Amino acid sequence: QVQLVESGGGLVQPGGSLTLSCNVSGSSDISSMDWYRQAPGSQRVWVASLYNDGSRAYVDFVKGRIKISGELPEKTFYLQMNSLKAEDTAVYYCRVFSAIAYWGQGTQVTVSS
């Protein structure tokens, strides 16, 4: 059974940085690792992806501030977030695609002074 566990969320001041981690177990054939976020009262939206060919993709509103990294064989990937803004406040979810999509439980990121 594929399981994903996120960590690294918390409270950070505007302009600060935070790195989220996602540890994946139970899967050996992952085609992509993704991060999504869901702000209060909003739908879950895609943030970034890391593909098994090493390529990366980001949603426009985070480009230049967020970096996805990781190694598929190690099954751990990260979301490094810099210059955080209040509007980045959300529950962040990791997801992997291995025939079907598997989700983590989410980790809260709150950007506030």
Protein backbone atom coordinates (compact mmCIF):
# COMPACT_ATOMS: atom_id res chain seq x y z
CA GLN A 1 0.00 0.00 0.00
CA VAL A 2 1.34 3.39 -0.98
CA GLN A 3 1.61 5.88 1.86
CA LEU A 4 2.73 9.50 1.85
CA VAL A 5 3.66 11.46 4.94
CA GLU A 6 4.23 15.21 4.81
CA SER A 7 6.16 17.21 7.35
CA GLY A 8 7.66 20.65 7.79
CA GLY A 9 4.61 22.85 7.97
CA GLY A 10 4.18 25.56 10.57
CA LEU A 11 3.91 29.26 11.24
CA VAL A 12 6.27 31.59 9.42
CA GLN A 13 6.44 35.37 9.09
CA PRO A 14 5.90 37.08 5.74
CA GLY A 15 9.11 37.01 3.75
CA GLY A 16 10.29 33.90 5.53
CA SER A 17 11.13 30.45 4.23
CA LEU A 18 9.90 26.94 4.86
CA THR A 19 10.71 23.53 3.42
CA LEU A 20 8.12 20.80 3.28
CA SER A 21 9.02 17.13 2.98
CA CYS A 22 7.07 14.18 1.67
CA ASN A 23 8.16 10.62 2.32
CA VAL A 24 6.70 7.93 0.10
CA SER A 25 6.56 4.25 0.96
CA GLY A 26 5.08 1.23 -0.73
CA SER A 27 5.58 2.19 -4.36
CA SER A 28 8.35 1.41 -6.81
CA ASP A 29 7.01 2.91 -10.02
CA ILE A 30 6.39 6.62 -9.60
CA SER A 31 5.95 8.79 -12.67
CA SER A 32 5.53 12.12 -10.92
CA MET A 33 5.72 13.76 -7.53
CA ASP A 34 3.46 16.75 -7.00
CA TRP A 35 2.54 19.39 -4.47
CA TYR A 36 -0.92 20.89 -4.15
CA ARG A 37 -2.35 23.39 -1.71
CA GLN A 38 -5.77 24.28 -0.42
CA ALA A 39 -6.48 27.62 1.17
CA PRO A 40 -9.46 28.09 3.49
CA GLY A 41 -12.68 28.23 1.50
CA SER A 42 -10.90 27.43 -1.76
CA GLN A 43 -10.38 24.43 -3.97
CA ARG A 44 -7.21 22.41 -3.93
CA VAL A 45 -4.84 23.70 -6.58
CA TRP A 46 -1.71 22.33 -8.17
CA VAL A 47 1.56 24.01 -7.17
CA ALA A 48 4.51 22.06 -8.58
CA SER A 49 5.55 18.76 -10.11
CA LEU A 50 8.74 16.73 -10.43
CA TYR A 51 8.72 14.12 -13.16
CA ASN A 52 10.70 10.94 -13.47
CA ASP A 53 12.76 12.45 -16.31
CA GLY A 54 13.96 15.15 -13.90
CA SER A 55 11.88 17.94 -15.36
CA ARG A 56 9.93 20.33 -13.13
CA ALA A 57 6.86 22.47 -13.54
CA TYR A 58 5.36 25.24 -11.42
CA VAL A 59 2.15 27.17 -11.30
CA ASP A 60 2.73 30.78 -12.35
CA PHE A 61 1.96 32.40 -9.00
CA VAL A 62 4.84 30.60 -7.25
CA LYS A 63 7.51 30.75 -9.94
CA GLY A 64 10.76 32.13 -8.60
CA ARG A 65 9.74 31.58 -4.98
CA ILE A 66 9.22 27.84 -4.76
CA LYS A 67 11.40 24.89 -5.76
CA ILE A 68 10.45 21.24 -5.90
CA SER A 69 13.24 18.74 -5.49
CA GLY A 70 13.83 15.12 -4.69
CA GLU A 71 15.06 11.83 -6.01
CA LEU A 72 12.58 9.27 -7.15
CA PRO A 73 14.63 6.28 -6.05
CA GLU A 74 14.79 7.73 -2.56
CA LYS A 75 11.06 8.42 -2.59
CA THR A 76 11.41 11.62 -0.64
CA PHE A 77 10.72 14.98 -2.14
CA TYR A 78 10.62 18.53 -0.96
CA LEU A 79 9.00 21.87 -1.53
CA GLN A 80 11.29 24.74 -0.67
CA MET A 81 9.34 27.97 -0.27
CA ASN A 82 10.92 31.40 -0.03
CA SER A 83 9.60 34.95 0.22
CA LEU A 84 6.39 33.62 1.66
CA LYS A 85 3.28 35.76 1.56
CA ALA A 86 0.08 35.70 3.58
CA GLU A 87 -1.71 34.32 0.54
CA ASP A 88 0.52 31.25 0.66
CA THR A 89 -1.32 30.19 3.80
CA ALA A 90 -2.88 26.81 3.05
CA VAL A 91 -2.80 23.12 3.73
CA TYR A 92 -0.13 21.66 1.48
CA TYR A 93 -0.54 18.15 0.12
CA CYS A 94 1.93 15.91 -1.63
CA ARG A 95 0.82 13.49 -4.27
CA VAL A 96 2.47 10.81 -6.33
CA PHE A 97 1.22 9.15 -9.46
CA SER A 98 1.88 5.44 -9.72
CA ALA A 99 -0.81 4.03 -12.01
CA ILE A 100 -3.20 6.03 -9.86
CA ALA A 101 -2.81 9.08 -7.63
CA TYR A 102 -1.94 8.78 -3.97
CA TRP A 103 -2.23 11.67 -1.51
CA GLY A 104 -0.68 12.60 1.77
CA GLN A 105 -2.71 13.87 4.71
CA GLY A 106 -1.59 17.48 4.32
CA THR A 107 0.48 19.86 6.40
CA GLN A 108 -0.60 23.34 7.46
CA VAL A 109 1.45 26.35 6.42
CA THR A 110 0.49 29.65 7.98
CA VAL A 111 2.17 32.87 6.92
CA SER A 112 1.45 35.60 9.41
CA SER A 113 3.17 38.23 11.49
